[in-house]
Amino acid sequence: MEEETSPVSYEDLAQIEDEFEQIDTEIMRKQYILSAPVYAKRQAAIARISHFWPLVFEQAPVDIDQYIQPSDSQLLAECLIGLNVTRFEVPLGPERISEEAGNPRSVCITFEFAENDWFTDQVLEKKFWYRRAADGWTGLVSEPVKIHWKKGKDLTMGLTDAAVRLWEARQKAGDMRAVKLPEYEALAKKVASDQSPSFFAWFGFVTARRWVSAEESAKAEKEKESRRNKRKEGEEKAASPEVDISDDAFDDQNAEVMPTGDELAISIGDDLWPGALKYFTEAQENADDEMSEADFEDDDAEGGSDDEAPIDIRSLVTSKGKDKDKSKNKAEDGPPKKKQKK
């Protein structure tokens, strides 16, 4: 006689998925704490290597490279002197064992620049908070960063300034979804007309969907924890939170300067930053290969045109070597387009 098996409910599957998420979060948290001293040691070592970070960006994976325009390459090559990534919600002191530690997916990415012809800032810091919306959506949100561009040097063509103005106008109005503002109309118009924004437009990124405040996120997390506890106690169903339909319907992408800015942040934090030594080594190996090939080439510059060649960061930072085709082809139309609404 066959044993009867009880059906598996969606609630059962949700509980299992939730347990996996908790495990992933704890692994990320512990990995960050354990690796922090090693990253500090690496930072001290690479500080003595000239042009380390420009060379790393030259070898960046396509997920990052696709955002970098030729004008961005020149700025990064000539002026970038430091990069740092921290998981600022995870404490590294004695309090790190606290169960109340924040989410390790929240990330702060800091760029350090030498004095340059483009802007007056020496440090540009971009913070991303991992938050949960009332309707269950989770993801990174950020605040636009003001870049103090020098006259006529704004690579974003006014996008970052417009993003900051809208942010400030919404704060003043007390409504982070306000659209009936001149600042909103001005930014939406700029976004619609600019098809290939500079890498630096990323500093104006706010959200891939809509802004989620710390208060909304805390409430949503508390409700999720309550539902989790009810499932553990064996209750048949943990009621889903009531959500205002407008929460799900509202989408701020018409005024988002870089709709995939969250993906770029993840690529920098999870790939470029931990893999920096690998990318630097690849850049050096490629440079050595090119120097070897140069011994067998005719040094005749009149044989072709370099008009369409992309800027090579290595040649800029070392003042030697020739223009080359990048090993990673840029997307023909620049950075990714707007995300599809969910």
Protein backbone atom coordinates (compact mmCIF):
# COMPACT_ATOMS: atom_id res chain seq x y z
CA MET A 1 0.00 0.00 0.00
CA GLU A 2 1.47 3.31 -1.10
CA GLU A 3 1.99 5.96 1.50
CA GLU A 4 0.04 9.14 1.03
CA THR A 5 2.20 12.20 0.53
CA SER A 6 0.98 15.57 1.65
CA PRO A 7 1.01 18.24 -1.07
CA VAL A 8 3.71 20.90 -0.96
CA SER A 9 2.28 24.39 -0.66
CA TYR A 10 3.68 27.65 -1.97
CA GLU A 11 4.20 28.62 1.66
CA ASP A 12 6.49 25.60 2.14
CA LEU A 13 8.54 26.58 -0.90
CA ALA A 14 8.67 30.20 0.23
CA GLN A 15 10.03 29.13 3.60
CA ILE A 16 12.78 27.05 1.97
CA GLU A 17 13.71 29.92 -0.35
CA ASP A 18 13.80 32.27 2.62
CA GLU A 19 16.18 29.96 4.46
CA PHE A 20 18.52 29.93 1.46
CA GLU A 21 18.46 33.74 1.40
CA GLN A 22 19.36 33.91 5.09
CA ILE A 23 22.29 31.54 4.51
CA ASP A 24 23.55 33.59 1.55
CA THR A 25 23.36 36.77 3.60
CA GLU A 26 25.30 35.25 6.49
CA ILE A 27 27.98 33.87 4.14
CA MET A 28 28.41 37.30 2.52
CA ARG A 29 28.64 38.95 5.94
CA LYS A 30 31.29 36.54 7.26
CA GLN A 31 33.28 36.65 4.03
CA TYR A 32 33.42 40.45 4.21
CA ILE A 33 34.61 40.40 7.82
CA LEU A 34 37.26 37.73 7.19
CA SER A 35 38.61 39.32 4.01
CA ALA A 36 38.73 42.93 5.28
CA PRO A 37 42.31 42.69 6.68
CA VAL A 38 43.55 41.14 3.42
CA TYR A 39 41.96 43.89 1.35
CA ALA A 40 43.62 46.46 3.62
CA LYS A 41 46.97 44.77 2.97
CA ARG A 42 46.27 44.82 -0.77
CA GLN A 43 45.39 48.52 -0.68
CA ALA A 44 48.71 49.30 0.99
CA ALA A 45 50.61 47.33 -1.65
CA ILE A 46 48.90 48.72 -4.76
CA ALA A 47 49.25 52.27 -3.47
CA ARG A 48 52.89 51.96 -4.57
CA ILE A 49 51.97 50.85 -8.11
CA SER A 50 51.64 53.66 -10.62
CA HIS A 51 48.40 53.69 -12.64
CA PHE A 52 47.11 50.52 -11.00
CA TRP A 53 43.40 51.36 -11.15
CA PRO A 54 43.40 52.83 -14.68
CA LEU A 55 44.94 49.57 -15.90
CA VAL A 56 42.35 47.55 -13.99
CA PHE A 57 39.56 49.53 -15.66
CA GLU A 58 41.23 48.97 -19.03
CA GLN A 59 40.76 45.22 -18.52
CA ALA A 60 37.32 45.55 -16.92
CA PRO A 61 34.71 42.95 -17.93
CA VAL A 62 32.11 43.94 -20.50
CA ASP A 63 29.51 44.46 -17.75
CA ILE A 64 31.55 47.53 -16.78
CA ASP A 65 33.37 48.36 -20.00
CA GLN A 66 30.10 48.93 -21.89
CA TYR A 67 29.44 52.02 -19.78
CA ILE A 68 32.82 53.67 -20.41
CA GLN A 69 32.88 56.17 -23.27
CA PRO A 70 36.16 57.33 -24.90
CA SER A 71 36.03 60.62 -22.97
CA ASP A 72 35.58 58.65 -19.73
CA SER A 73 38.62 56.52 -20.61
CA GLN A 74 40.80 59.59 -20.88
CA LEU A 75 39.67 60.93 -17.51
CA LEU A 76 40.12 57.57 -15.79
CA ALA A 77 43.54 57.06 -17.37
CA GLU A 78 44.91 60.45 -16.44
CA CYS A 79 43.27 61.06 -13.06
CA LEU A 80 42.04 57.93 -11.25
CA ILE A 81 44.41 57.15 -8.39
CA GLY A 82 42.29 55.09 -6.00
CA LEU A 83 39.23 52.89 -5.60
CA ASN A 84 37.71 51.42 -2.46
CA VAL A 85 34.64 49.26 -1.80
CA THR A 86 33.07 48.76 1.62
CA ARG A 87 29.96 46.98 2.91
CA PHE A 88 29.13 49.83 5.24
CA GLU A 89 26.20 48.14 7.02
CA VAL A 90 28.48 45.34 8.25
CA PRO A 91 30.48 46.46 11.32
CA LEU A 92 34.13 45.39 11.48
CA GLY A 93 34.77 46.24 15.14
CA PRO A 94 33.90 44.29 18.32
CA GLU A 95 30.20 44.75 17.53
CA ARG A 96 30.54 42.66 14.36
CA ILE A 97 29.10 39.59 16.10
CA SER A 98 25.81 41.40 16.62
CA GLU A 99 22.81 39.72 15.03
CA GLU A 100 21.52 43.18 14.18
CA ALA A 101 24.25 43.74 11.58
CA GLY A 102 22.93 45.26 8.37
CA ASN A 103 22.71 43.73 4.92
CA PRO A 104 26.09 43.00 3.28
CA ARG A 105 24.54 43.77 -0.12
CA SER A 106 24.58 47.49 0.75
CA VAL A 107 27.77 48.87 -0.73
CA CYS A 108 29.81 52.08 -0.82
CA ILE A 109 32.12 52.66 -3.79
CA THR A 110 34.72 55.43 -3.47
CA PHE A 111 36.79 56.87 -6.32
CA GLU A 112 39.86 59.01 -5.65
CA PHE A 113 41.15 61.39 -8.32
CA ALA A 114 44.21 63.53 -8.83
CA GLU A 115 43.74 67.21 -9.59
CA ASN A 116 42.32 67.37 -13.10
CA ASP A 117 40.77 69.48 -15.84
CA TRP A 118 37.25 68.02 -15.51
CA PHE A 119 36.06 68.60 -11.94
CA THR A 120 37.27 69.95 -8.61
CA ASP A 121 36.36 66.89 -6.52
CA GLN A 122 39.21 64.70 -5.30
CA VAL A 123 36.85 62.04 -3.93
CA LEU A 124 33.53 60.83 -5.35
CA GLU A 125 31.65 58.45 -3.06
CA LYS A 126 28.53 56.57 -4.13
CA LYS A 127 26.43 54.67 -1.56
CA PHE A 128 23.86 51.99 -2.38
CA TRP A 129 21.38 50.71 0.20
CA TYR A 130 19.82 47.27 -0.19
CA ARG A 131 16.16 47.72 0.71
CA ARG A 132 12.81 45.96 0.65
CA ALA A 133 9.68 47.72 -0.64
CA ALA A 134 6.21 47.31 0.82
CA ASP A 135 5.21 45.07 -2.10
CA GLY A 136 8.16 42.71 -1.57
CA TRP A 137 10.58 44.11 -4.18
CA THR A 138 14.22 44.13 -3.08
CA GLY A 139 17.17 45.92 -4.63
CA LEU A 140 19.68 48.74 -4.43
CA VAL A 141 18.72 52.40 -4.15
CA SER A 142 21.02 55.40 -3.96
CA GLU A 143 21.15 59.17 -3.69
CA PRO A 144 22.54 61.30 -6.55
CA VAL A 145 26.07 62.59 -5.99
CA LYS A 146 26.94 66.17 -6.88
CA ILE A 147 29.98 66.38 -9.17
CA HIS A 148 31.53 69.84 -9.28
CA TRP A 149 32.28 70.02 -12.99
CA LYS A 150 34.53 72.73 -14.35
CA LYS A 151 33.03 75.04 -16.95
CA GLY A 152 32.45 73.25 -20.25
CA LYS A 153 33.82 69.94 -18.93
CA ASP A 154 30.66 68.10 -17.83
CA LEU A 155 30.89 64.68 -19.49
CA THR A 156 27.28 63.90 -18.50
CA MET A 157 25.95 66.94 -20.36
CA GLY A 158 24.08 68.13 -17.27
CA LEU A 159 22.53 64.79 -16.27
CA THR A 160 24.08 64.53 -12.80
CA ASP A 161 23.28 68.15 -11.96
CA ALA A 162 19.67 67.66 -13.08
CA ALA A 163 19.39 64.48 -10.98
CA VAL A 164 20.61 66.34 -7.89
CA ARG A 165 18.17 69.20 -8.51
CA LEU A 166 15.21 66.80 -8.75
CA TRP A 167 16.30 64.98 -5.60
CA GLU A 168 16.51 68.24 -3.65
CA ALA A 169 13.17 69.46 -5.04
CA ARG A 170 11.44 66.24 -3.99
CA GLN A 171 12.96 66.41 -0.53
CA LYS A 172 11.72 69.98 -0.19
CA ALA A 173 8.25 68.92 -1.35
CA GLY A 174 8.24 66.00 1.08
CA ASP A 175 7.31 63.59 -1.70
CA MET A 176 9.98 61.37 -3.28
CA ARG A 177 7.56 60.39 -6.04
CA ALA A 178 6.55 63.90 -7.07
CA VAL A 179 6.39 64.28 -10.85
CA LYS A 180 4.61 67.62 -11.16
CA LEU A 181 7.83 69.53 -10.67
CA PRO A 182 9.82 71.57 -13.22
CA GLU A 183 12.92 69.65 -12.12
CA TYR A 184 11.23 66.36 -13.02
CA GLU A 185 10.22 67.60 -16.45
CA ALA A 186 13.72 68.95 -17.10
CA LEU A 187 15.43 65.69 -16.13
CA ALA A 188 12.95 63.49 -18.01
CA LYS A 189 13.60 65.57 -21.13
CA LYS A 190 17.37 65.15 -20.76
CA VAL A 191 17.06 61.41 -20.15
CA ALA A 192 14.90 60.98 -23.26
CA SER A 193 17.37 62.83 -25.48
CA ASP A 194 20.66 61.31 -24.22
CA GLN A 195 21.18 57.81 -25.66
CA SER A 196 24.78 57.19 -24.54
CA PRO A 197 25.43 58.75 -21.13
CA SER A 198 28.90 59.00 -19.67
CA PHE A 199 30.09 56.50 -17.07
CA PHE A 200 29.93 59.42 -14.65
CA ALA A 201 26.14 59.68 -15.09
CA TRP A 202 26.15 56.65 -12.76
CA PHE A 203 26.76 59.03 -9.86
CA GLY A 204 23.28 60.42 -10.50
CA PHE A 205 21.58 57.00 -10.23
CA VAL A 206 18.73 56.67 -7.72
CA THR A 207 16.72 53.53 -8.47
CA ALA A 208 15.97 50.88 -11.05
CA ARG A 209 12.30 51.12 -10.08
CA ARG A 210 11.30 53.67 -7.43
CA TRP A 211 12.84 55.15 -4.30
CA VAL A 212 12.45 53.05 -1.15
CA SER A 213 13.08 54.85 2.13
CA ALA A 214 14.78 53.35 5.18
CA GLU A 215 11.46 53.55 7.03
CA GLU A 216 9.51 51.67 4.35
CA SER A 217 12.23 49.03 4.16
CA ALA A 218 12.36 48.52 7.93
CA LYS A 219 8.59 48.08 8.07
CA ALA A 220 8.64 45.62 5.16
CA GLU A 221 11.45 43.61 6.78
CA LYS A 222 9.54 43.49 10.06
CA GLU A 223 6.43 42.20 8.28
CA LYS A 224 8.50 39.58 6.47
CA GLU A 225 10.01 38.43 9.76
CA SER A 226 6.52 38.15 11.24
CA ARG A 227 5.36 35.97 8.35
CA ARG A 228 8.49 33.83 8.67
CA ASN A 229 7.81 33.23 12.36
CA LYS A 230 4.20 32.30 11.66
CA ARG A 231 5.33 29.72 9.11
CA LYS A 232 7.78 28.26 11.61
CA GLU A 233 5.00 27.98 14.18
CA GLY A 234 3.06 25.84 11.74
CA GLU A 235 0.31 28.26 10.83
CA GLU A 236 -1.32 27.25 7.56
CA LYS A 237 -0.91 30.59 5.89
CA ALA A 238 0.96 33.75 6.68
CA ALA A 239 -1.05 36.55 5.18
CA SER A 240 0.76 38.70 2.66
CA PRO A 241 1.00 42.40 3.50
CA GLU A 242 -1.60 44.75 2.14
CA VAL A 243 0.02 46.88 -0.52
CA ASP A 244 -1.18 50.14 -1.95
CA ILE A 245 -1.64 49.52 -5.68
CA SER A 246 0.20 52.77 -6.37
CA ASP A 247 3.33 51.27 -4.77
CA ASP A 248 3.50 48.62 -7.46
CA ALA A 249 2.37 50.84 -10.32
CA PHE A 250 4.74 53.76 -9.75
CA ASP A 251 7.91 53.65 -11.85
CA ASP A 252 10.51 56.42 -11.86
CA GLN A 253 12.46 55.34 -14.93
CA ASN A 254 11.49 58.32 -17.09
CA ALA A 255 13.68 60.43 -14.82
CA GLU A 256 16.46 57.91 -14.13
CA VAL A 257 19.83 58.94 -15.60
CA MET A 258 21.20 55.37 -15.66
CA PRO A 259 18.46 52.73 -15.30
CA THR A 260 20.97 49.90 -14.85
CA GLY A 261 23.16 51.77 -12.37
CA ASP A 262 22.47 49.15 -9.71
CA GLU A 263 23.87 46.44 -11.98
CA LEU A 264 27.01 48.51 -12.57
CA ALA A 265 27.46 48.91 -8.80
CA ILE A 266 27.15 45.14 -8.33
CA SER A 267 29.68 44.50 -11.12
CA ILE A 268 32.21 46.85 -9.53
CA GLY A 269 31.66 45.53 -6.01
CA ASP A 270 31.43 41.82 -6.80
CA ASP A 271 33.79 41.51 -9.79
CA LEU A 272 36.18 44.40 -10.44
CA TRP A 273 37.03 45.04 -6.79
CA PRO A 274 37.80 41.46 -5.69
CA GLY A 275 39.39 40.65 -9.06
CA ALA A 276 41.57 43.76 -9.31
CA LEU A 277 44.90 41.89 -9.16
CA LYS A 278 43.76 39.51 -11.90
CA TYR A 279 42.73 42.37 -14.19
CA PHE A 280 45.95 44.28 -13.50
CA THR A 281 48.03 41.20 -14.35
CA GLU A 282 46.09 40.72 -17.58
CA ALA A 283 46.75 44.34 -18.52
CA GLN A 284 50.49 43.87 -17.97
CA GLU A 285 50.55 40.63 -19.96
CA ASN A 286 48.69 42.23 -22.85
CA ALA A 287 51.09 45.17 -22.80
CA ASP A 288 54.08 42.80 -22.95
CA ASP A 289 52.50 40.92 -25.88
CA GLU A 290 51.95 44.15 -27.78
CA MET A 291 55.52 45.28 -27.20
CA SER A 292 56.77 41.93 -28.57
CA GLU A 293 54.56 42.21 -31.64
CA ALA A 294 55.83 45.72 -32.23
CA ASP A 295 59.31 44.32 -32.95
CA PHE A 296 57.93 42.61 -36.06
CA GLU A 297 55.76 45.45 -37.33
CA ASP A 298 56.49 48.22 -39.78
CA ASP A 299 56.46 51.46 -37.82
CA ASP A 300 54.64 53.29 -40.61
CA ALA A 301 51.76 55.43 -39.29
CA GLU A 302 50.67 56.54 -42.78
CA GLY A 303 49.21 53.16 -43.71
CA GLY A 304 45.86 53.53 -41.97
CA SER A 305 43.44 55.75 -40.11
CA ASP A 306 42.91 55.72 -36.35
CA ASP A 307 39.77 57.82 -36.47
CA GLU A 308 37.50 55.01 -35.28
CA ALA A 309 39.90 53.37 -32.80
CA PRO A 310 38.80 53.42 -29.13
CA ILE A 311 40.99 55.12 -26.57
CA ASP A 312 43.39 52.66 -24.96
CA ILE A 313 43.93 53.47 -21.29
CA ARG A 314 47.25 51.62 -21.22
CA SER A 315 48.72 53.79 -23.96
CA LEU A 316 47.48 56.89 -22.17
CA VAL A 317 48.92 56.02 -18.78
CA THR A 318 52.24 54.65 -20.04
CA SER A 319 52.76 57.05 -22.96
CA LYS A 320 53.75 54.11 -25.13
CA GLY A 321 52.06 51.44 -27.19
CA LYS A 322 49.62 51.77 -30.02
CA ASP A 323 45.86 52.11 -30.30
CA LYS A 324 44.23 48.72 -30.24
CA ASP A 325 40.89 47.08 -30.55
CA LYS A 326 39.68 46.12 -27.08
CA SER A 327 39.36 42.43 -26.38
CA LYS A 328 35.82 43.17 -25.26
CA ASN A 329 33.59 44.80 -27.90
CA LYS A 330 31.51 47.67 -26.60
CA ALA A 331 27.80 47.45 -27.16
CA GLU A 332 27.15 49.33 -30.41
CA ASP A 333 24.62 51.65 -28.88
CA GLY A 334 26.41 52.34 -25.61
CA PRO A 335 25.18 51.33 -22.15
CA PRO A 336 22.12 49.12 -21.65
CA LYS A 337 18.77 50.70 -22.26
CA LYS A 338 16.00 51.09 -19.72
CA LYS A 339 14.88 47.99 -17.88
CA GLN A 340 11.54 46.53 -18.80
CA LYS A 341 8.89 47.41 -16.28
CA LYS A 342 7.93 44.50 -14.07
